[in-house]
Amino acid sequence: MSIIGETVTTKSAHLIELEKKWGAQNYKPLDVVLTRGEGVWVEDVEGNRYLDCLSAYSAVSQGHCHPRILAAMQAQAGRITLTSRAFYNDQLGPFVQELCEFGGYEKALPMNSGAEAVETAIKAARKWAYTVKGVPDDQAEIIVCAGNFHGRTTTIVGFSSEEQYRSGFGPFTPGFKLIPYGDMEALAAAITPNTAAFLVEPIQGEGGVVTPPPGFLTEAAELCRRQNVLFIADEIQTGLGRTGARFACDHEDVRPDIIILGKALSGGFYPVSAILADAEIMDVFLPGDHGSTFGGNPLGAVIAREALAVLRDEDLIGNAARMGEYFIDRLSDMASPHVHEVRGKGLLIGVDLLPEAGAARDYCERLRQLGILAKDTHKTVIRFAPPLVITRPDIDWAMERIAYVLA
């Protein structure tokens, strides 16, 4: 196995230095400067080739620069890109219809980033609580889970349990209760007459690819239904085939009251997000209640329509199920003194290292040198989330290198 870039070259170093000098230092990337991508492979400015096992945090599920999505984007970009919601456009209607039919809901509200979609769901739940459930004004509560990651806005970081996400950004928005992830007793105890919703990730991706106990989602959804509380699933990272199902909630046949989507909704070409719900919930929004200059624009709508079509036409959800099972089995069969646990579902996989094994980032750096791009999370977890177009030969190629690093 050849080693790539044990030292950063002059060209890469120059570009890295430019970003460090002129950009805010709110990220700490691996020392690789990417310049192109196709399918599951990316290339750096030195011409080195890597297997992408992060997929831009699952946003590039359809593979880098998918030709169908690229063609759709290019064609629409030459017609009209942005109209604002001050006017109708000829792509938004077909997009929300296709998205609702894909998800099995009556209404969709498109936005741009995942965090915007989470904020939209919070607003919908609160207004539903006041106008439908009858919660007294400004008393609505939303229950969330420790270890959550729902975005970076000040409201969202305010209900994070990660101290770094919160430190220096208060004061925070009230109205959120934090419970342990996967704890049914805690959920039941937290619900009051003022509870509007329970917001949960079916799998906590950024939290370390943590899955709840079997049956938790089913029990939680049933409890919420009995208590007239909205069950909101943040499927921004887990949805659209990532876990080998349409949505991660589908593994337990759970239909959330509100489902939040983003990332792979545009195949990595453009920021597109949305919430899905039935009319009883979505119709609480009146003209002027909520909006976005770019949300629902024709360029984003065309891209998202084609991204959904690619998922369907190329059976990427089925491929994620098959390749995910193979990937997890191969990882689980590895003999390594450093691995505590391999966990995940579909192509959202975490390798949890033993505390004495060292930092997961060091392993990711070594994988980069062998041509694999993965990302650490929560210091001890290596996350593998390749594009859903990955094949068995791709995985076999990766396993030789992963086994070498983990051994």
Protein backbone atom coordinates (compact mmCIF):
# COMPACT_ATOMS: atom_id res chain seq x y z
CA MET A 1 0.00 0.00 0.00
CA SER A 2 1.42 3.34 -1.05
CA ILE A 3 1.53 6.25 1.39
CA ILE A 4 -0.02 9.54 0.24
CA GLY A 5 1.25 12.87 1.45
CA GLU A 6 3.03 12.11 4.70
CA THR A 7 4.05 15.76 4.50
CA VAL A 8 1.91 18.52 3.03
CA THR A 9 3.26 19.67 -0.36
CA THR A 10 3.87 23.26 -1.35
CA LYS A 11 0.69 23.56 -3.43
CA SER A 12 -1.55 22.12 -0.73
CA ALA A 13 0.25 24.07 1.99
CA HIS A 14 -0.33 27.35 0.13
CA LEU A 15 -4.08 26.73 -0.18
CA ILE A 16 -4.36 25.61 3.43
CA GLU A 17 -2.50 28.70 4.58
CA LEU A 18 -4.80 30.97 2.55
CA GLU A 19 -7.84 29.48 4.26
CA LYS A 20 -6.25 29.76 7.69
CA LYS A 21 -5.20 33.37 7.12
CA TRP A 22 -8.39 34.71 5.57
CA GLY A 23 -11.08 32.37 6.88
CA ALA A 24 -12.63 31.93 10.32
CA GLN A 25 -11.10 28.96 12.12
CA ASN A 26 -14.35 27.20 13.00
CA TYR A 27 -13.23 23.88 11.45
CA LYS A 28 -10.15 21.70 11.78
CA PRO A 29 -9.99 19.74 8.50
CA LEU A 30 -7.66 16.88 7.66
CA ASP A 31 -4.69 18.10 5.61
CA VAL A 32 -6.05 17.28 2.17
CA VAL A 33 -7.14 19.84 -0.45
CA LEU A 34 -9.76 18.37 -2.74
CA THR A 35 -10.31 19.63 -6.26
CA ARG A 36 -12.61 17.14 -8.03
CA GLY A 37 -14.82 14.12 -7.44
CA GLU A 38 -16.73 11.42 -9.27
CA GLY A 39 -18.88 8.74 -7.67
CA VAL A 40 -17.18 7.51 -4.51
CA TRP A 41 -13.77 8.89 -5.48
CA VAL A 42 -12.23 12.33 -4.95
CA GLU A 43 -8.90 13.80 -6.01
CA ASP A 44 -6.65 16.35 -4.34
CA VAL A 45 -4.69 19.18 -5.94
CA GLU A 46 -1.62 16.93 -6.15
CA GLY A 47 -3.50 14.33 -8.19
CA ASN A 48 -3.85 11.80 -5.34
CA ARG A 49 -7.05 9.75 -5.36
CA TYR A 50 -9.13 8.89 -2.29
CA LEU A 51 -12.19 6.82 -1.46
CA ASP A 52 -14.62 9.25 0.15
CA CYS A 53 -16.07 7.62 3.26
CA LEU A 54 -17.76 10.75 4.59
CA SER A 55 -19.96 11.88 1.67
CA ALA A 56 -19.90 15.46 2.96
CA TYR A 57 -21.64 14.25 6.13
CA SER A 58 -24.07 12.19 4.00
CA ALA A 59 -24.97 15.06 1.64
CA VAL A 60 -23.35 13.37 -1.37
CA SER A 61 -25.29 10.12 -1.11
CA GLN A 62 -25.82 9.92 -4.88
CA GLY A 63 -22.06 10.17 -5.46
CA HIS A 64 -19.94 13.16 -6.40
CA CYS A 65 -21.07 15.11 -9.47
CA HIS A 66 -23.78 12.66 -10.46
CA PRO A 67 -24.23 13.25 -14.20
CA ARG A 68 -28.03 13.31 -14.13
CA ILE A 69 -28.22 15.84 -11.30
CA LEU A 70 -25.46 17.90 -12.92
CA ALA A 71 -27.33 17.99 -16.25
CA ALA A 72 -30.57 19.00 -14.55
CA MET A 73 -28.79 21.77 -12.67
CA GLN A 74 -27.06 23.09 -15.77
CA ALA A 75 -30.27 23.12 -17.80
CA GLN A 76 -32.23 24.98 -15.11
CA ALA A 77 -29.39 27.43 -14.43
CA GLY A 78 -29.72 28.63 -18.01
CA ARG A 79 -33.46 29.29 -17.63
CA ILE A 80 -34.11 30.86 -14.22
CA THR A 81 -32.51 30.27 -10.81
CA LEU A 82 -34.36 32.41 -8.26
CA THR A 83 -37.79 33.99 -8.17
CA SER A 84 -38.34 34.31 -4.40
CA ARG A 85 -41.66 33.20 -2.98
CA ALA A 86 -43.14 36.56 -3.95
CA PHE A 87 -44.09 34.78 -7.18
CA TYR A 88 -44.88 31.23 -8.26
CA ASN A 89 -42.36 29.25 -10.28
CA ASP A 90 -42.87 26.21 -12.48
CA GLN A 91 -40.67 23.84 -10.44
CA LEU A 92 -41.76 24.22 -6.83
CA GLY A 93 -45.19 22.61 -7.28
CA PRO A 94 -43.83 19.47 -8.96
CA PHE A 95 -41.03 19.26 -6.37
CA VAL A 96 -43.24 19.37 -3.28
CA GLN A 97 -45.67 16.89 -4.91
CA GLU A 98 -42.87 14.42 -5.63
CA LEU A 99 -41.32 14.89 -2.20
CA CYS A 100 -44.66 14.34 -0.44
CA GLU A 101 -45.37 11.26 -2.53
CA PHE A 102 -41.88 9.93 -1.75
CA GLY A 103 -42.33 10.49 1.97
CA GLY A 104 -46.05 9.73 2.28
CA TYR A 105 -47.15 13.12 3.66
CA GLU A 106 -49.71 15.73 2.65
CA LYS A 107 -47.54 18.85 2.76
CA ALA A 108 -43.92 19.97 2.40
CA LEU A 109 -42.19 23.21 3.32
CA PRO A 110 -38.80 23.66 1.61
CA MET A 111 -35.93 25.63 3.07
CA ASN A 112 -32.15 25.60 2.45
CA SER A 113 -29.94 24.28 5.24
CA GLY A 114 -30.68 21.48 7.65
CA ALA A 115 -30.60 23.86 10.60
CA GLU A 116 -33.24 26.02 8.89
CA ALA A 117 -35.44 22.95 8.52
CA VAL A 118 -35.03 22.14 12.21
CA GLU A 119 -35.97 25.71 13.11
CA THR A 120 -38.98 25.38 10.82
CA ALA A 121 -40.08 22.20 12.60
CA ILE A 122 -39.71 23.91 15.98
CA LYS A 123 -41.85 26.83 14.83
CA ALA A 124 -44.48 24.47 13.40
CA ALA A 125 -44.63 22.45 16.63
CA ARG A 126 -44.95 25.52 18.81
CA LYS A 127 -47.67 27.13 16.73
CA TRP A 128 -49.52 23.79 16.52
CA ALA A 129 -49.33 23.56 20.32
CA TYR A 130 -50.93 26.99 20.71
CA THR A 131 -53.53 26.88 17.93
CA VAL A 132 -54.51 23.20 17.93
CA LYS A 133 -53.55 21.60 21.25
CA GLY A 134 -54.41 24.64 23.36
CA VAL A 135 -51.14 25.15 25.23
CA PRO A 136 -51.09 28.59 26.94
CA ASP A 137 -49.18 31.24 25.00
CA ASP A 138 -45.38 31.05 25.32
CA GLN A 139 -45.52 27.92 27.52
CA ALA A 140 -44.84 25.23 24.89
CA GLU A 141 -42.07 22.73 25.67
CA ILE A 142 -40.08 20.52 23.33
CA ILE A 143 -38.25 17.44 24.60
CA VAL A 144 -34.82 16.67 23.10
CA CYS A 145 -32.11 14.08 23.77
CA ALA A 146 -28.64 14.29 25.25
CA GLY A 147 -26.00 13.80 22.58
CA ASN A 148 -28.19 15.45 19.95
CA PHE A 149 -26.91 17.38 16.97
CA HIS A 150 -29.59 19.34 15.14
CA GLY A 151 -27.57 22.27 13.81
CA ARG A 152 -25.66 25.37 14.84
CA THR A 153 -28.15 28.21 15.30
CA THR A 154 -28.31 29.86 18.71
CA THR A 155 -31.66 28.22 19.47
CA ILE A 156 -30.38 24.77 18.53
CA VAL A 157 -27.05 24.93 20.36
CA GLY A 158 -29.00 26.11 23.39
CA PHE A 159 -30.50 22.63 23.81
CA SER A 160 -27.30 20.76 23.00
CA SER A 161 -25.58 18.73 25.71
CA GLU A 162 -22.16 19.39 24.16
CA GLU A 163 -20.52 22.16 26.16
CA GLN A 164 -18.33 23.43 23.30
CA TYR A 165 -21.39 24.00 21.10
CA ARG A 166 -22.89 26.22 23.84
CA SER A 167 -19.91 27.96 25.40
CA GLY A 168 -19.86 31.68 24.66
CA PHE A 169 -23.15 31.79 22.73
CA GLY A 170 -25.80 32.36 25.40
CA PRO A 171 -28.30 33.46 26.52
CA PHE A 172 -30.36 30.64 25.05
CA THR A 173 -33.96 30.15 23.99
CA PRO A 174 -36.08 28.59 26.75
CA GLY A 175 -38.66 25.85 26.26
CA PHE A 176 -36.54 22.72 25.82
CA LYS A 177 -36.13 19.70 28.10
CA LEU A 178 -33.15 17.37 27.81
CA ILE A 179 -33.48 13.63 28.49
CA PRO A 180 -31.09 10.69 28.02
CA TYR A 181 -31.17 9.27 24.48
CA GLY A 182 -33.24 6.11 24.17
CA ASP A 183 -34.71 6.35 27.69
CA MET A 184 -38.46 5.68 27.59
CA GLU A 185 -38.96 6.28 31.32
CA ALA A 186 -37.31 9.67 31.09
CA LEU A 187 -39.43 10.58 28.06
CA ALA A 188 -42.65 9.63 29.82
CA ALA A 189 -41.65 11.59 32.92
CA ALA A 190 -40.75 14.70 30.91
CA ILE A 191 -44.13 15.03 29.17
CA THR A 192 -46.51 17.60 30.64
CA PRO A 193 -49.74 19.20 29.38
CA ASN A 194 -47.53 21.91 27.82
CA THR A 195 -45.36 19.49 25.82
CA ALA A 196 -45.60 20.31 22.12
CA ALA A 197 -43.17 17.79 20.64
CA PHE A 198 -40.41 15.25 21.05
CA LEU A 199 -37.51 15.97 18.66
CA VAL A 200 -35.16 13.04 18.08
CA GLU A 201 -32.58 11.64 15.68
CA PRO A 202 -33.35 7.98 14.85
CA ILE A 203 -29.58 7.47 14.91
CA GLN A 204 -27.28 10.08 16.42
CA GLY A 205 -24.71 10.56 13.67
CA GLU A 206 -22.60 13.40 14.99
CA GLY A 207 -23.08 11.98 18.48
CA GLY A 208 -21.02 8.94 17.51
CA VAL A 209 -23.34 6.83 15.31
CA VAL A 210 -25.38 5.90 18.38
CA THR A 211 -28.51 3.79 17.89
CA PRO A 212 -31.35 3.71 20.43
CA PRO A 213 -32.51 0.45 22.04
CA PRO A 214 -34.64 -1.72 19.72
CA GLY A 215 -38.25 -0.64 19.83
CA PHE A 216 -37.53 2.78 21.31
CA LEU A 217 -38.75 4.73 18.30
CA THR A 218 -41.95 2.67 18.16
CA GLU A 219 -42.66 3.10 21.86
CA ALA A 220 -41.79 6.79 21.79
CA ALA A 221 -44.07 7.45 18.83
CA GLU A 222 -46.94 5.56 20.49
CA LEU A 223 -46.45 7.46 23.75
CA CYS A 224 -46.45 10.78 21.90
CA ARG A 225 -49.64 9.81 20.09
CA ARG A 226 -51.40 8.93 23.35
CA GLN A 227 -50.27 12.17 24.99
CA ASN A 228 -51.10 14.39 21.97
CA VAL A 229 -47.43 15.29 21.51
CA LEU A 230 -45.84 15.64 18.07
CA PHE A 231 -43.14 13.09 17.24
CA ILE A 232 -40.50 14.89 15.15
CA ALA A 233 -37.73 12.89 13.48
CA ASP A 234 -34.58 14.68 12.38
CA GLU A 235 -33.65 12.56 9.35
CA ILE A 236 -31.31 15.12 7.81
CA GLN A 237 -28.39 12.70 7.98
CA THR A 238 -30.21 9.37 8.32
CA GLY A 239 -32.92 9.88 5.72
CA LEU A 240 -33.09 9.35 1.97
CA GLY A 241 -31.55 5.88 1.97
CA ARG A 242 -28.50 6.39 4.20
CA THR A 243 -29.47 3.57 6.59
CA GLY A 244 -30.73 1.18 3.90
CA ALA A 245 -34.32 2.36 4.18
CA ARG A 246 -36.20 5.37 2.85
CA PHE A 247 -36.01 6.87 6.36
CA ALA A 248 -34.33 5.42 9.45
CA CYS A 249 -37.73 5.46 11.18
CA ASP A 250 -38.93 2.97 8.56
CA HIS A 251 -36.86 0.26 10.25
CA GLU A 252 -39.45 0.31 13.04
CA ASP A 253 -42.43 1.23 10.83
CA VAL A 254 -42.69 4.59 12.58
CA ARG A 255 -44.35 7.49 10.77
CA PRO A 256 -43.30 10.75 12.46
CA ASP A 257 -45.74 13.65 12.67
CA ILE A 258 -42.99 15.87 11.24
CA ILE A 259 -39.94 14.61 9.37
CA ILE A 260 -36.94 16.85 8.72
CA LEU A 261 -34.85 16.33 5.57
CA GLY A 262 -31.77 17.94 4.05
CA LYS A 263 -28.25 16.97 2.95
CA ALA A 264 -28.82 14.24 0.31
CA LEU A 265 -32.04 15.96 -0.79
CA SER A 266 -29.88 17.82 -3.31
CA GLY A 267 -27.20 15.20 -3.93
CA GLY A 268 -24.57 17.65 -2.71
CA PHE A 269 -25.14 20.21 -5.48
CA TYR A 270 -27.01 22.92 -3.63
CA PRO A 271 -28.48 23.55 -0.15
CA VAL A 272 -32.03 22.13 -0.10
CA SER A 273 -33.93 21.07 3.00
CA ALA A 274 -37.57 20.58 3.93
CA ILE A 275 -40.01 19.44 6.55
CA LEU A 276 -42.85 17.05 5.76
CA ALA A 277 -46.12 16.86 7.70
CA ASP A 278 -49.82 16.45 7.16
CA ALA A 279 -52.15 19.40 6.66
CA GLU A 280 -53.33 19.58 10.28
CA ILE A 281 -49.80 20.57 11.29
CA MET A 282 -48.53 22.39 8.22
CA ASP A 283 -51.62 24.55 7.86
CA VAL A 284 -50.78 26.40 11.09
CA PHE A 285 -48.48 28.49 8.90
CA LEU A 286 -50.20 31.53 7.41
CA PRO A 287 -48.75 33.95 4.84
CA GLY A 288 -46.04 35.95 6.57
CA ASP A 289 -45.46 33.45 9.40
CA HIS A 290 -42.31 31.92 7.95
CA GLY A 291 -40.19 32.15 4.84
CA SER A 292 -36.85 32.23 3.09
CA THR A 293 -35.58 34.18 0.10
CA PHE A 294 -34.01 31.08 -1.43
CA GLY A 295 -36.30 28.40 -0.01
CA GLY A 296 -38.23 26.67 -2.78
CA ASN A 297 -36.31 28.38 -5.58
CA PRO A 298 -36.56 26.77 -9.04
CA LEU A 299 -32.90 25.78 -9.24
CA GLY A 300 -32.99 24.00 -5.90
CA ALA A 301 -36.33 22.38 -6.76
CA VAL A 302 -35.02 20.93 -10.03
CA ILE A 303 -31.88 19.61 -8.35
CA ALA A 304 -33.87 17.98 -5.54
CA ARG A 305 -36.34 16.41 -7.97
CA GLU A 306 -33.50 14.78 -9.88
CA ALA A 307 -31.74 13.74 -6.67
CA LEU A 308 -34.89 11.91 -5.57
CA ALA A 309 -35.26 10.34 -9.01
CA VAL A 310 -31.68 9.03 -8.89
CA LEU A 311 -32.30 7.43 -5.49
CA ARG A 312 -35.30 5.63 -6.96
CA ASP A 313 -34.04 4.76 -10.43
CA GLU A 314 -30.65 3.45 -9.32
CA ASP A 315 -31.98 1.56 -6.29
CA LEU A 316 -29.55 3.39 -4.05
CA ILE A 317 -31.61 2.64 -0.96
CA GLY A 318 -31.39 -1.08 -1.68
CA ASN A 319 -27.70 -0.77 -2.42
CA ALA A 320 -27.16 1.00 0.89
CA ALA A 321 -28.84 -1.89 2.70
CA ARG A 322 -26.76 -4.54 0.90
CA MET A 323 -23.43 -2.72 0.96
CA GLY A 324 -23.98 -1.50 4.51
CA GLU A 325 -24.50 -5.04 5.76
CA TYR A 326 -21.36 -6.14 3.92
CA PHE A 327 -19.33 -3.17 5.20
CA ILE A 328 -20.41 -3.73 8.82
CA ASP A 329 -19.80 -7.49 8.61
CA ARG A 330 -16.29 -6.95 7.24
CA LEU A 331 -15.48 -4.42 9.97
CA SER A 332 -16.93 -6.65 12.68
CA ASP A 333 -14.83 -9.61 11.51
CA MET A 334 -11.59 -7.64 11.81
CA ALA A 335 -9.26 -8.61 14.60
CA SER A 336 -8.11 -5.38 16.26
CA PRO A 337 -6.88 -4.70 19.79
CA HIS A 338 -8.13 -1.11 19.50
CA VAL A 339 -11.84 -1.52 18.64
CA HIS A 340 -14.53 -1.53 21.29
CA GLU A 341 -17.56 -1.78 19.00
CA VAL A 342 -18.75 -1.51 15.41
CA ARG A 343 -22.25 -0.06 15.15
CA GLY A 344 -24.61 1.56 12.72
CA LYS A 345 -27.19 0.79 10.08
CA GLY A 346 -26.88 0.75 6.31
CA LEU A 347 -24.01 2.99 5.24
CA LEU A 348 -23.91 5.04 8.44
CA ILE A 349 -21.26 3.21 10.43
CA GLY A 350 -19.20 4.01 13.49
CA VAL A 351 -16.08 2.23 14.74
CA ASP A 352 -15.83 3.02 18.45
CA LEU A 353 -12.26 2.75 19.71
CA LEU A 354 -11.19 1.75 23.21
CA PRO A 355 -10.15 4.73 25.37
CA GLU A 356 -6.56 3.53 25.49
CA ALA A 357 -6.40 3.22 21.69
CA GLY A 358 -5.73 6.92 21.22
CA ALA A 359 -7.63 9.64 19.35
CA ALA A 360 -9.84 8.64 16.44
CA ARG A 361 -8.48 11.60 14.47
CA ASP A 362 -5.03 9.98 14.42
CA TYR A 363 -6.54 6.91 12.77
CA CYS A 364 -8.34 9.13 10.24
CA GLU A 365 -5.03 10.82 9.42
CA ARG A 366 -3.44 7.42 8.80
CA LEU A 367 -6.38 6.33 6.65
CA ARG A 368 -5.97 9.51 4.60
CA GLN A 369 -2.37 8.57 3.91
CA LEU A 370 -3.62 5.24 2.57
CA GLY A 371 -6.26 6.82 0.33
CA ILE A 372 -9.40 6.75 2.50
CA LEU A 373 -11.17 9.86 3.78
CA ALA A 374 -13.11 9.27 6.99
CA LYS A 375 -13.91 11.56 9.91
CA ASP A 376 -13.66 11.24 13.64
CA THR A 377 -16.48 12.23 15.95
CA HIS A 378 -16.58 12.44 19.74
CA LYS A 379 -12.84 11.69 19.89
CA THR A 380 -13.13 7.89 19.94
CA VAL A 381 -15.36 7.14 16.93
CA ILE A 382 -14.31 6.76 13.29
CA ARG A 383 -17.33 7.41 11.10
CA PHE A 384 -17.72 5.67 7.74
CA ALA A 385 -20.51 6.99 5.50
CA PRO A 386 -19.56 6.53 1.83
CA PRO A 387 -21.82 7.52 -1.08
CA LEU A 388 -24.65 5.05 -1.62
CA VAL A 389 -23.22 4.15 -5.04
CA ILE A 390 -20.33 2.24 -3.42
CA THR A 391 -19.68 -1.31 -4.65
CA ARG A 392 -18.26 -4.48 -3.09
CA PRO A 393 -14.90 -4.05 -4.90
CA ASP A 394 -14.69 -0.51 -3.46
CA ILE A 395 -15.33 -1.87 0.03
CA ASP A 396 -12.83 -4.71 -0.42
CA TRP A 397 -10.20 -2.17 -1.49
CA ALA A 398 -10.95 -0.09 1.60
CA MET A 399 -10.99 -3.02 4.01
CA GLU A 400 -7.39 -3.96 3.32
CA ARG A 401 -6.34 -0.46 4.35
CA ILE A 402 -8.76 -0.10 7.25
CA ALA A 403 -7.62 -3.44 8.69
CA TYR A 404 -3.99 -2.33 8.40
CA VAL A 405 -4.65 0.91 10.29
CA LEU A 406 -6.84 -0.65 12.97
CA ALA A 407 -4.30 -3.42 13.59
